[in-house]
Every structure is written in C-alpha cells, then in structure tokens.
Amino acid sequence: MARKRKKKVDTWKAKKWYSIVAPGCFNEKELGETPVAEAESLVGRTIKMSLGEITEKRSQYQTSLIFQVYKVEGNKAYTEIRGHEIKRGYIGRLSKRMRSVVRTIFNVETKDKKIVQMQTICLAKVKMDREQKKAIRETVIEVATKEAKKTNLDKFFQEVVFGKISTEIFAKVKKIFPVIRMEITKTKVTSETND
C-alpha cells in the first residue's frame, strides 16, 4: 500500500512582511522591511544602520545607530534607540599624529530615568599633563551629565548624534586646554532606574 506524501509547507508563504520604523527623534522613518511568520518574534530584535542612510547625508555614514523593536502594530514594527557608535577607522584617522588623546567612559541618567553609558575622545596636537587630562575628563562628565538630565532618551540621542552635546563639551574643554577635536564615540542604553 502506497504511503501518502506529506504536503510541504511553503514557509515563505506563511510569512508576512513588516515595516521597521525608526523612533520619533528620527521622524519615524522606515528603516527597512522584514518577513516573519509571527509578529511577536520581532520584539527585541536589533537593527544597526548608519546615520547617513537615514539622513541621506554622506558626511554621516561613519556613525552607526542601534535600534531595537519594542512593539508591533498592524504591519509596522516600532523601534527605540539603544545606542550609537562611530566607526573605529574614522576615529583612528582622527587620532593619528596627535600628541594627546583623552578617552573617558562614564554613565549618565536622562530625564526619563534611562541610564546611558558614554565613551568620548578629546584630541590635541600638544602634549598635556596628568592634571590637565583629569580636568578634561571631569568637564566632559559634568557637561554630559547636565545635558542628559534636561532631556528624555530620544531627545538626548538626537543631541548626541547630531553633535549638539559634543559642541557644548568642546566649548568648555577648550578653556582648559587647546583641544582640536571632541567626539562622543559610543553610547549604549544599559538600564532604567526604578525611581
């Protein structure tokens, strides 16, 4: 007696396409589309994309943004910003032939109680001493902490990636030492406080 063949299920036909949407601070721009069988599997998924792809500006391609899907409604998957990073090659080119490089890693808290780890770099063509480096680090932390407390997470990231906060830090640091460049090289949302 012949056996009945099981029908092959076409997994592609079972999948639906979902549009991945950037947060409001990036004008809810579509980041792309993805097919999934179940919408719930999209929640928690991360997407890495260059700022240049979102703004369509070539000068911003060295900055990568990390988004994470937090909800799905209809055929749209909504994301929140989870961090950013400037490409290492770009930082390497900036720091080449510099006499002083000051790196700082610290945490700030936004107005909506999100904790963000920040990494910064200050560059100078003139050699600086330990006390000057310490003063620069303290100033970087002070300015970034103050700016973070004034804004919610979305607005804070907007000000980070479009250079507003690094410009504020640069203006203060330059009074301590003649730095020629200041960059926020990396950020990452690490947690939320329970207050």
N, C-alpha and C. Protein backbone atom coordinates (compact mmCIF):
# COMPACT_ATOMS: atom_id res chain seq x y z
N MET A 1 0.84 -1.19 0.00
CA MET A 1 0.00 0.00 0.00
C MET A 1 0.89 1.26 0.00
N ALA A 2 0.58 2.13 -0.89
CA ALA A 2 1.40 3.34 -1.04
C ALA A 2 1.15 4.32 0.11
N ARG A 3 2.27 4.92 0.56
CA ARG A 3 2.15 5.92 1.64
C ARG A 3 1.75 7.27 1.07
N LYS A 4 0.97 7.99 1.87
CA LYS A 4 0.58 9.33 1.43
C LYS A 4 1.74 10.28 1.69
N ARG A 5 2.02 11.06 0.70
CA ARG A 5 3.09 12.06 0.87
C ARG A 5 2.56 13.26 1.64
N LYS A 6 3.39 13.70 2.62
CA LYS A 6 3.01 14.90 3.37
C LYS A 6 3.22 16.12 2.50
N LYS A 7 2.28 17.02 2.57
CA LYS A 7 2.41 18.25 1.79
C LYS A 7 3.49 19.12 2.40
N LYS A 8 4.36 19.61 1.54
CA LYS A 8 5.41 20.52 2.01
C LYS A 8 4.79 21.89 2.27
N VAL A 9 5.12 22.43 3.44
CA VAL A 9 4.61 23.76 3.77
C VAL A 9 5.60 24.79 3.28
N ASP A 10 5.12 25.72 2.47
CA ASP A 10 5.97 26.80 1.96
C ASP A 10 6.10 27.85 3.07
N THR A 11 7.26 27.84 3.74
CA THR A 11 7.45 28.75 4.88
C THR A 11 7.41 30.22 4.46
N TRP A 12 7.81 30.50 3.22
CA TRP A 12 7.78 31.89 2.75
C TRP A 12 6.35 32.40 2.64
N LYS A 13 5.45 31.53 2.18
CA LYS A 13 4.05 31.95 2.03
C LYS A 13 3.40 32.21 3.38
N ALA A 14 3.91 31.54 4.41
CA ALA A 14 3.35 31.70 5.76
C ALA A 14 3.83 32.99 6.43
N LYS A 15 4.84 33.63 5.84
CA LYS A 15 5.41 34.84 6.44
C LYS A 15 4.73 36.10 5.93
N LYS A 16 4.69 37.10 6.83
CA LYS A 16 4.16 38.42 6.46
C LYS A 16 5.30 39.43 6.51
N TRP A 17 5.20 40.45 5.69
CA TRP A 17 6.22 41.50 5.67
C TRP A 17 5.84 42.61 6.65
N TYR A 18 6.84 43.04 7.43
CA TYR A 18 6.63 44.12 8.39
C TYR A 18 7.62 45.26 8.11
N SER A 19 7.12 46.47 8.21
CA SER A 19 7.94 47.66 8.03
C SER A 19 8.55 48.03 9.38
N ILE A 20 9.87 48.22 9.41
CA ILE A 20 10.56 48.58 10.66
C ILE A 20 10.69 50.11 10.70
N VAL A 21 10.16 50.70 11.77
CA VAL A 21 10.03 52.15 11.86
C VAL A 21 10.98 52.73 12.92
N ALA A 22 11.68 53.80 12.55
CA ALA A 22 12.59 54.49 13.49
C ALA A 22 11.77 55.26 14.52
N PRO A 23 12.36 55.57 15.68
CA PRO A 23 11.63 56.36 16.69
C PRO A 23 11.35 57.78 16.21
N GLY A 24 10.53 58.49 16.98
CA GLY A 24 10.13 59.85 16.63
C GLY A 24 11.28 60.81 16.44
N CYS A 25 12.37 60.62 17.19
CA CYS A 25 13.52 61.53 17.06
C CYS A 25 14.20 61.42 15.70
N PHE A 26 13.86 60.37 14.94
CA PHE A 26 14.35 60.22 13.56
C PHE A 26 13.17 60.19 12.59
N ASN A 27 12.13 60.96 12.96
CA ASN A 27 10.94 61.19 12.12
C ASN A 27 10.19 59.92 11.70
N GLU A 28 10.30 58.87 12.52
CA GLU A 28 9.62 57.60 12.24
C GLU A 28 9.87 57.11 10.80
N LYS A 29 11.09 57.32 10.36
CA LYS A 29 11.48 56.90 9.01
C LYS A 29 11.52 55.38 8.93
N GLU A 30 11.13 54.84 7.78
CA GLU A 30 11.19 53.38 7.59
C GLU A 30 12.65 52.95 7.45
N LEU A 31 13.05 52.02 8.30
CA LEU A 31 14.44 51.53 8.29
C LEU A 31 14.61 50.34 7.36
N GLY A 32 13.50 49.75 6.94
CA GLY A 32 13.54 48.57 6.07
C GLY A 32 12.32 47.71 6.31
N GLU A 33 12.31 46.56 5.67
CA GLU A 33 11.22 45.60 5.83
C GLU A 33 11.79 44.23 6.14
N THR A 34 11.01 43.42 6.85
CA THR A 34 11.47 42.07 7.16
C THR A 34 10.28 41.11 7.17
N PRO A 35 10.48 39.87 6.68
CA PRO A 35 9.39 38.90 6.72
C PRO A 35 9.49 37.99 7.95
N VAL A 36 8.39 37.81 8.66
CA VAL A 36 8.36 36.87 9.79
C VAL A 36 7.02 36.13 9.81
N ALA A 37 7.05 34.93 10.37
CA ALA A 37 5.82 34.13 10.47
C ALA A 37 4.95 34.64 11.61
N GLU A 38 5.58 35.05 12.73
CA GLU A 38 4.83 35.56 13.86
C GLU A 38 5.37 36.91 14.29
N ALA A 39 4.47 37.88 14.42
CA ALA A 39 4.85 39.25 14.74
C ALA A 39 5.63 39.35 16.05
N GLU A 40 5.26 38.51 17.03
CA GLU A 40 5.91 38.56 18.35
C GLU A 40 7.41 38.30 18.28
N SER A 41 7.83 37.55 17.26
CA SER A 41 9.26 37.23 17.14
C SER A 41 10.10 38.46 16.77
N LEU A 42 9.43 39.53 16.34
CA LEU A 42 10.15 40.76 16.01
C LEU A 42 10.55 41.56 17.25
N VAL A 43 9.74 41.44 18.32
CA VAL A 43 10.01 42.22 19.54
C VAL A 43 11.35 41.79 20.15
N GLY A 44 12.19 42.79 20.38
CA GLY A 44 13.53 42.52 20.93
C GLY A 44 14.61 42.46 19.86
N ARG A 45 14.22 42.38 18.60
CA ARG A 45 15.21 42.30 17.51
C ARG A 45 15.92 43.65 17.35
N THR A 46 17.24 43.62 17.13
CA THR A 46 18.01 44.85 16.96
C THR A 46 18.37 45.07 15.50
N ILE A 47 18.44 46.34 15.15
CA ILE A 47 18.78 46.75 13.77
C ILE A 47 19.89 47.78 13.86
N LYS A 48 20.95 47.58 13.10
CA LYS A 48 22.07 48.54 13.06
C LYS A 48 22.06 49.22 11.70
N MET A 49 22.11 50.53 11.70
CA MET A 49 22.04 51.28 10.45
C MET A 49 22.86 52.56 10.57
N SER A 50 23.45 53.00 9.48
CA SER A 50 24.25 54.23 9.54
C SER A 50 23.33 55.44 9.55
N LEU A 51 23.77 56.48 10.25
CA LEU A 51 23.01 57.73 10.29
C LEU A 51 22.86 58.30 8.89
N GLY A 52 23.88 58.11 8.07
CA GLY A 52 23.84 58.60 6.70
C GLY A 52 22.72 57.99 5.87
N GLU A 53 22.39 56.71 6.13
CA GLU A 53 21.29 56.06 5.42
C GLU A 53 19.95 56.69 5.79
N ILE A 54 19.86 57.16 7.03
CA ILE A 54 18.60 57.77 7.49
C ILE A 54 18.48 59.21 7.01
N THR A 55 19.57 59.97 7.11
CA THR A 55 19.53 61.40 6.73
C THR A 55 19.86 61.63 5.26
N GLU A 56 20.42 60.59 4.61
CA GLU A 56 20.88 60.68 3.21
C GLU A 56 21.98 61.73 3.04
N LYS A 57 22.83 61.83 4.08
CA LYS A 57 23.99 62.73 4.02
C LYS A 57 25.26 61.91 4.10
N ARG A 58 26.10 62.04 3.11
CA ARG A 58 27.33 61.25 3.02
C ARG A 58 28.25 61.46 4.22
N SER A 59 28.29 62.68 4.76
CA SER A 59 29.19 63.01 5.87
C SER A 59 28.82 62.28 7.16
N GLN A 60 27.63 61.66 7.23
CA GLN A 60 27.19 61.00 8.45
C GLN A 60 27.22 59.47 8.38
N TYR A 61 27.88 58.94 7.35
CA TYR A 61 27.94 57.47 7.20
C TYR A 61 28.87 56.81 8.21
N GLN A 62 29.76 57.59 8.84
CA GLN A 62 30.68 56.99 9.81
C GLN A 62 30.01 56.69 11.16
N THR A 63 28.76 57.17 11.34
CA THR A 63 28.03 56.95 12.59
C THR A 63 26.99 55.85 12.41
N SER A 64 27.08 54.81 13.24
CA SER A 64 26.10 53.71 13.22
C SER A 64 25.14 53.88 14.39
N LEU A 65 23.85 53.61 14.13
CA LEU A 65 22.82 53.68 15.16
C LEU A 65 22.29 52.29 15.44
N ILE A 66 21.97 52.00 16.69
CA ILE A 66 21.40 50.69 17.04
C ILE A 66 19.97 50.92 17.55
N PHE A 67 19.02 50.27 16.88
CA PHE A 67 17.61 50.35 17.25
C PHE A 67 17.14 48.98 17.71
N GLN A 68 16.10 48.97 18.54
CA GLN A 68 15.52 47.70 19.00
C GLN A 68 13.99 47.78 18.89
N VAL A 69 13.39 46.73 18.32
CA VAL A 69 11.93 46.68 18.19
C VAL A 69 11.33 46.45 19.57
N TYR A 70 10.34 47.28 19.94
CA TYR A 70 9.69 47.12 21.25
C TYR A 70 8.20 46.81 21.14
N LYS A 71 7.59 47.07 19.96
CA LYS A 71 6.19 46.69 19.77
C LYS A 71 5.87 46.57 18.28
N VAL A 72 4.82 45.77 17.99
CA VAL A 72 4.35 45.59 16.62
C VAL A 72 2.87 45.92 16.59
N GLU A 73 2.49 46.80 15.66
CA GLU A 73 1.08 47.14 15.48
C GLU A 73 0.77 47.09 13.99
N GLY A 74 -0.25 46.29 13.64
CA GLY A 74 -0.56 46.12 12.22
C GLY A 74 0.63 45.52 11.50
N ASN A 75 1.08 46.18 10.44
CA ASN A 75 2.25 45.68 9.71
C ASN A 75 3.50 46.51 9.99
N LYS A 76 3.50 47.21 11.14
CA LYS A 76 4.64 48.05 11.49
C LYS A 76 5.29 47.59 12.80
N ALA A 77 6.62 47.55 12.77
CA ALA A 77 7.41 47.21 13.96
C ALA A 77 8.10 48.48 14.42
N TYR A 78 7.75 48.96 15.61
CA TYR A 78 8.27 50.22 16.13
C TYR A 78 9.53 49.99 16.96
N THR A 79 10.49 50.88 16.79
CA THR A 79 11.78 50.72 17.46
C THR A 79 12.06 51.86 18.44
N GLU A 80 13.02 51.61 19.33
CA GLU A 80 13.56 52.66 20.19
C GLU A 80 15.08 52.63 20.02
N ILE A 81 15.69 53.79 20.25
CA ILE A 81 17.14 53.89 20.11
C ILE A 81 17.82 53.23 21.30
N ARG A 82 18.87 52.44 21.03
CA ARG A 82 19.59 51.75 22.10
C ARG A 82 21.06 52.14 22.16
N GLY A 83 21.53 52.88 21.16
CA GLY A 83 22.93 53.30 21.20
C GLY A 83 23.43 53.78 19.85
N HIS A 84 24.68 54.21 19.85
CA HIS A 84 25.33 54.62 18.59
C HIS A 84 26.82 54.34 18.71
N GLU A 85 27.49 54.35 17.58
CA GLU A 85 28.94 54.12 17.57
C GLU A 85 29.55 54.76 16.33
N ILE A 86 30.68 55.43 16.52
CA ILE A 86 31.43 55.97 15.39
C ILE A 86 32.45 54.93 14.97
N LYS A 87 32.56 54.69 13.68
CA LYS A 87 33.44 53.63 13.17
C LYS A 87 34.88 53.83 13.62
N ARG A 88 35.51 52.71 14.00
CA ARG A 88 36.88 52.75 14.54
C ARG A 88 37.88 53.35 13.55
N GLY A 89 37.72 53.02 12.29
CA GLY A 89 38.63 53.54 11.27
C GLY A 89 38.62 55.06 11.23
N TYR A 90 37.44 55.64 11.39
CA TYR A 90 37.28 57.10 11.39
C TYR A 90 38.00 57.71 12.59
N ILE A 91 37.82 57.09 13.77
CA ILE A 91 38.48 57.57 14.99
C ILE A 91 39.99 57.42 14.87
N GLY A 92 40.43 56.31 14.28
CA GLY A 92 41.86 56.06 14.07
C GLY A 92 42.50 57.14 13.21
N ARG A 93 41.79 57.54 12.15
CA ARG A 93 42.30 58.60 11.26
C ARG A 93 42.37 59.94 12.00
N LEU A 94 41.38 60.20 12.86
CA LEU A 94 41.36 61.46 13.61
C LEU A 94 42.52 61.54 14.60
N SER A 95 42.78 60.42 15.29
CA SER A 95 43.79 60.44 16.36
C SER A 95 45.23 60.26 15.88
N LYS A 96 45.38 59.99 14.59
CA LYS A 96 46.73 59.83 14.03
C LYS A 96 47.51 61.13 14.16
N ARG A 97 48.75 61.01 14.61
CA ARG A 97 49.66 62.15 14.77
C ARG A 97 49.25 63.16 15.85
N MET A 98 48.36 62.74 16.75
CA MET A 98 48.01 63.60 17.88
C MET A 98 48.98 63.35 19.03
N ARG A 99 49.34 64.39 19.75
CA ARG A 99 50.24 64.25 20.89
C ARG A 99 49.49 63.80 22.14
N SER A 100 48.20 64.19 22.22
CA SER A 100 47.39 63.82 23.39
C SER A 100 46.01 63.31 22.98
N VAL A 101 45.64 62.17 23.56
CA VAL A 101 44.32 61.58 23.33
C VAL A 101 43.72 61.28 24.71
N VAL A 102 42.57 61.89 25.00
CA VAL A 102 41.93 61.67 26.30
C VAL A 102 40.61 60.94 26.09
N ARG A 103 40.57 59.69 26.58
CA ARG A 103 39.34 58.88 26.47
C ARG A 103 38.63 58.85 27.82
N THR A 104 37.31 58.94 27.78
CA THR A 104 36.52 58.92 29.01
C THR A 104 35.32 57.99 28.83
N ILE A 105 35.08 57.13 29.82
CA ILE A 105 33.92 56.23 29.82
C ILE A 105 33.16 56.47 31.12
N PHE A 106 31.86 56.74 31.01
CA PHE A 106 31.05 57.06 32.20
C PHE A 106 29.57 56.86 31.89
N ASN A 107 28.74 56.91 32.94
CA ASN A 107 27.29 56.77 32.78
C ASN A 107 26.59 58.08 33.07
N VAL A 108 25.49 58.32 32.35
CA VAL A 108 24.62 59.47 32.63
C VAL A 108 23.19 58.96 32.77
N GLU A 109 22.35 59.77 33.40
CA GLU A 109 20.94 59.42 33.54
C GLU A 109 20.08 60.48 32.87
N THR A 110 19.17 60.07 32.00
CA THR A 110 18.30 61.01 31.29
C THR A 110 17.11 61.41 32.18
N LYS A 111 16.37 62.39 31.73
CA LYS A 111 15.20 62.89 32.47
C LYS A 111 14.17 61.79 32.70
N ASP A 112 14.05 60.86 31.72
CA ASP A 112 13.08 59.76 31.86
C ASP A 112 13.70 58.50 32.48
N LYS A 113 14.77 58.71 33.26
CA LYS A 113 15.38 57.67 34.09
C LYS A 113 16.06 56.53 33.34
N LYS A 114 16.56 56.80 32.15
CA LYS A 114 17.34 55.81 31.41
C LYS A 114 18.82 56.03 31.72
N ILE A 115 19.55 54.95 31.89
CA ILE A 115 21.00 55.03 32.13
C ILE A 115 21.72 54.76 30.81
N VAL A 116 22.57 55.69 30.42
CA VAL A 116 23.31 55.57 29.15
C VAL A 116 24.81 55.60 29.43
N GLN A 117 25.50 54.57 28.95
CA GLN A 117 26.97 54.58 29.04
C GLN A 117 27.51 55.36 27.86
N MET A 118 28.45 56.26 28.14
CA MET A 118 29.04 57.09 27.09
C MET A 118 30.54 56.89 27.02
N GLN A 119 31.06 56.95 25.79
CA GLN A 119 32.51 56.92 25.58
C GLN A 119 32.86 58.14 24.73
N THR A 120 33.85 58.90 25.19
CA THR A 120 34.24 60.11 24.46
C THR A 120 35.74 60.12 24.20
N ILE A 121 36.12 60.99 23.28
CA ILE A 121 37.54 61.17 22.99
C ILE A 121 37.81 62.65 22.72
N CYS A 122 38.88 63.17 23.33
CA CYS A 122 39.33 64.54 23.10
C CYS A 122 40.74 64.46 22.52
N LEU A 123 41.00 65.23 21.48
CA LEU A 123 42.29 65.16 20.78
C LEU A 123 42.99 66.51 20.77
N ALA A 124 44.30 66.47 21.00
CA ALA A 124 45.11 67.70 20.97
C ALA A 124 46.45 67.43 20.30
N LYS A 125 46.96 68.43 19.62
CA LYS A 125 48.26 68.30 18.95
C LYS A 125 49.41 68.58 19.92
N VAL A 126 49.08 69.14 21.07
CA VAL A 126 50.08 69.49 22.09
C VAL A 126 49.97 68.50 23.24
N LYS A 127 51.11 68.09 23.78
CA LYS A 127 51.10 67.14 24.88
C LYS A 127 50.57 67.79 26.16
N MET A 128 49.70 67.06 26.88
CA MET A 128 49.15 67.58 28.13
C MET A 128 49.59 66.71 29.31
N ASP A 129 49.56 67.30 30.50
CA ASP A 129 49.98 66.54 31.68
C ASP A 129 48.78 65.84 32.32
N ARG A 130 49.06 65.07 33.37
CA ARG A 130 48.03 64.26 34.03
C ARG A 130 46.90 65.11 34.59
N GLU A 131 47.25 66.25 35.21
CA GLU A 131 46.24 67.14 35.81
C GLU A 131 45.30 67.72 34.75
N GLN A 132 45.87 68.07 33.60
CA GLN A 132 45.04 68.62 32.52
C GLN A 132 44.08 67.54 31.97
N LYS A 133 44.58 66.32 31.86
CA LYS A 133 43.73 65.22 31.40
C LYS A 133 42.59 64.96 32.39
N LYS A 134 42.93 65.03 33.67
CA LYS A 134 41.92 64.82 34.72
C LYS A 134 40.84 65.91 34.65
N ALA A 135 41.27 67.15 34.47
CA ALA A 135 40.34 68.28 34.38
C ALA A 135 39.43 68.15 33.16
N ILE A 136 39.99 67.66 32.06
CA ILE A 136 39.19 67.46 30.85
C ILE A 136 38.14 66.38 31.08
N ARG A 137 38.55 65.25 31.67
CA ARG A 137 37.60 64.16 31.95
C ARG A 137 36.45 64.64 32.85
N GLU A 138 36.80 65.39 33.88
CA GLU A 138 35.79 65.91 34.81
C GLU A 138 34.80 66.83 34.10
N THR A 139 35.31 67.66 33.21
CA THR A 139 34.46 68.60 32.46
C THR A 139 33.53 67.85 31.50
N VAL A 140 34.09 66.85 30.80
CA VAL A 140 33.30 66.04 29.88
C VAL A 140 32.12 65.41 30.63
N ILE A 141 32.40 64.79 31.77
CA ILE A 141 31.36 64.12 32.56
C ILE A 141 30.33 65.13 33.08
N GLU A 142 30.82 66.27 33.56
CA GLU A 142 29.93 67.30 34.12
C GLU A 142 28.94 67.82 33.07
N VAL A 143 29.44 68.17 31.89
CA VAL A 143 28.57 68.73 30.83
C VAL A 143 27.59 67.68 30.32
N ALA A 144 28.07 66.48 30.04
CA ALA A 144 27.20 65.42 29.52
C ALA A 144 26.12 65.04 30.52
N THR A 145 26.48 64.97 31.81
CA THR A 145 25.52 64.64 32.87
C THR A 145 24.42 65.70 32.96
N LYS A 146 24.83 66.96 32.88
CA LYS A 146 23.89 68.09 32.96
C LYS A 146 22.92 68.05 31.77
N GLU A 147 23.45 67.81 30.56
CA GLU A 147 22.61 67.78 29.36
C GLU A 147 21.64 66.59 29.39
N ALA A 148 22.11 65.44 29.87
CA ALA A 148 21.26 64.25 29.92
C ALA A 148 20.07 64.46 30.85
N LYS A 149 20.30 65.11 32.00
CA LYS A 149 19.23 65.33 32.99
C LYS A 149 18.12 66.22 32.46
N LYS A 150 18.44 67.05 31.44
CA LYS A 150 17.45 68.00 30.92
C LYS A 150 16.49 67.39 29.89
N THR A 151 16.86 66.22 29.32
CA THR A 151 16.07 65.68 28.21
C THR A 151 15.72 64.21 28.39
N ASN A 152 14.68 63.78 27.67
CA ASN A 152 14.35 62.35 27.66
C ASN A 152 15.30 61.62 26.71
N LEU A 153 15.22 60.31 26.69
CA LEU A 153 16.18 59.50 25.93
C LEU A 153 16.23 59.83 24.44
N ASP A 154 15.05 59.94 23.81
CA ASP A 154 15.01 60.23 22.37
C ASP A 154 15.71 61.54 22.04
N LYS A 155 15.36 62.59 22.78
CA LYS A 155 15.95 63.91 22.55
C LYS A 155 17.45 63.89 22.83
N PHE A 156 17.84 63.18 23.88
CA PHE A 156 19.25 63.07 24.24
C PHE A 156 20.05 62.46 23.09
N PHE A 157 19.54 61.36 22.52
CA PHE A 157 20.25 60.72 21.41
C PHE A 157 20.30 61.61 20.18
N GLN A 158 19.24 62.35 19.96
CA GLN A 158 19.22 63.29 18.84
C GLN A 158 20.35 64.30 19.00
N GLU A 159 20.51 64.81 20.23
CA GLU A 159 21.55 65.80 20.51
C GLU A 159 22.96 65.20 20.47
N VAL A 160 23.07 63.90 20.79
CA VAL A 160 24.36 63.22 20.71
C VAL A 160 24.76 63.02 19.25
N VAL A 161 23.90 62.38 18.46
CA VAL A 161 24.31 62.00 17.10
C VAL A 161 24.42 63.18 16.13
N PHE A 162 23.68 64.27 16.42
CA PHE A 162 23.78 65.44 15.54
C PHE A 162 24.77 66.48 16.06
N GLY A 163 25.51 66.13 17.13
CA GLY A 163 26.66 66.93 17.56
C GLY A 163 26.42 68.06 18.54
N LYS A 164 25.19 68.26 19.02
CA LYS A 164 24.93 69.38 19.93
C LYS A 164 25.70 69.23 21.25
N ILE A 165 25.66 68.02 21.82
CA ILE A 165 26.32 67.82 23.12
C ILE A 165 27.84 67.87 22.99
N SER A 166 28.38 67.26 21.93
CA SER A 166 29.84 67.31 21.75
C SER A 166 30.32 68.76 21.52
N THR A 167 29.50 69.59 20.88
CA THR A 167 29.85 71.00 20.68
C THR A 167 29.90 71.73 22.02
N GLU A 168 28.91 71.44 22.90
CA GLU A 168 28.88 72.06 24.23
C GLU A 168 30.11 71.64 25.05
N ILE A 169 30.43 70.34 24.99
CA ILE A 169 31.60 69.84 25.73
C ILE A 169 32.88 70.48 25.20
N PHE A 170 33.01 70.52 23.88
CA PHE A 170 34.20 71.09 23.24
C PHE A 170 34.44 72.53 23.69
N ALA A 171 33.36 73.32 23.74
CA ALA A 171 33.49 74.73 24.13
C ALA A 171 34.04 74.87 25.55
N LYS A 172 33.62 73.99 26.46
CA LYS A 172 34.09 74.05 27.85
C LYS A 172 35.53 73.51 27.98
N VAL A 173 35.80 72.41 27.29
CA VAL A 173 37.12 71.77 27.38
C VAL A 173 38.21 72.67 26.79
N LYS A 174 37.86 73.40 25.74
CA LYS A 174 38.84 74.27 25.08
C LYS A 174 39.36 75.37 26.00
N LYS A 175 38.58 75.69 27.03
CA LYS A 175 39.02 76.70 28.00
C LYS A 175 40.10 76.13 28.93
N ILE A 176 40.14 74.80 29.03
CA ILE A 176 41.13 74.13 29.89
C ILE A 176 42.42 73.89 29.11
N PHE A 177 42.26 73.45 27.85
CA PHE A 177 43.41 73.06 27.03
C PHE A 177 43.04 73.21 25.55
N PRO A 178 44.01 73.56 24.68
CA PRO A 178 43.69 73.76 23.26
C PRO A 178 43.45 72.45 22.48
N VAL A 179 42.34 71.77 22.81
CA VAL A 179 41.98 70.56 22.06
C VAL A 179 41.49 70.97 20.67
N ILE A 180 41.67 70.06 19.70
CA ILE A 180 41.23 70.41 18.35
C ILE A 180 39.99 69.62 17.92
N ARG A 181 39.67 68.57 18.69
CA ARG A 181 38.50 67.75 18.33
C ARG A 181 37.95 67.06 19.57
N MET A 182 36.63 66.94 19.61
CA MET A 182 35.96 66.21 20.69
C MET A 182 34.82 65.41 20.06
N GLU A 183 34.78 64.12 20.34
CA GLU A 183 33.74 63.26 19.77
C GLU A 183 33.14 62.36 20.84
N ILE A 184 31.84 62.16 20.78
CA ILE A 184 31.19 61.12 21.58
C ILE A 184 31.22 59.89 20.69
N THR A 185 32.10 58.96 21.00
CA THR A 185 32.38 57.86 20.08
C THR A 185 31.40 56.69 20.18
N LYS A 186 30.80 56.52 21.38
CA LYS A 186 29.89 55.39 21.56
C LYS A 186 28.93 55.66 22.71
N THR A 187 27.68 55.21 22.54
CA THR A 187 26.70 55.26 23.62
C THR A 187 25.95 53.94 23.64
N LYS A 188 25.43 53.62 24.82
CA LYS A 188 24.66 52.38 24.96
C LYS A 188 23.70 52.52 26.13
N VAL A 189 22.42 52.25 25.88
CA VAL A 189 21.44 52.25 26.97
C VAL A 189 21.69 50.98 27.77
N THR A 190 22.01 51.14 29.05
CA THR A 190 22.35 49.98 29.86
C THR A 190 21.22 49.52 30.76
N SER A 191 20.42 50.47 31.27
CA SER A 191 19.32 50.10 32.17
C SER A 191 18.41 51.28 32.43
N GLU A 192 17.38 51.03 33.26
CA GLU A 192 16.48 52.08 33.73
C GLU A 192 16.52 52.06 35.25
N THR A 193 16.42 53.24 35.86
CA THR A 193 16.36 53.28 37.31
C THR A 193 14.94 52.98 37.75
N ASN A 194 14.76 52.62 38.99
CA ASN A 194 13.44 52.22 39.49
C ASN A 194 12.72 53.30 40.29
N ASP A 195 13.17 54.53 40.18
CA ASP A 195 12.53 55.62 40.95
C ASP A 195 11.14 55.91 40.44
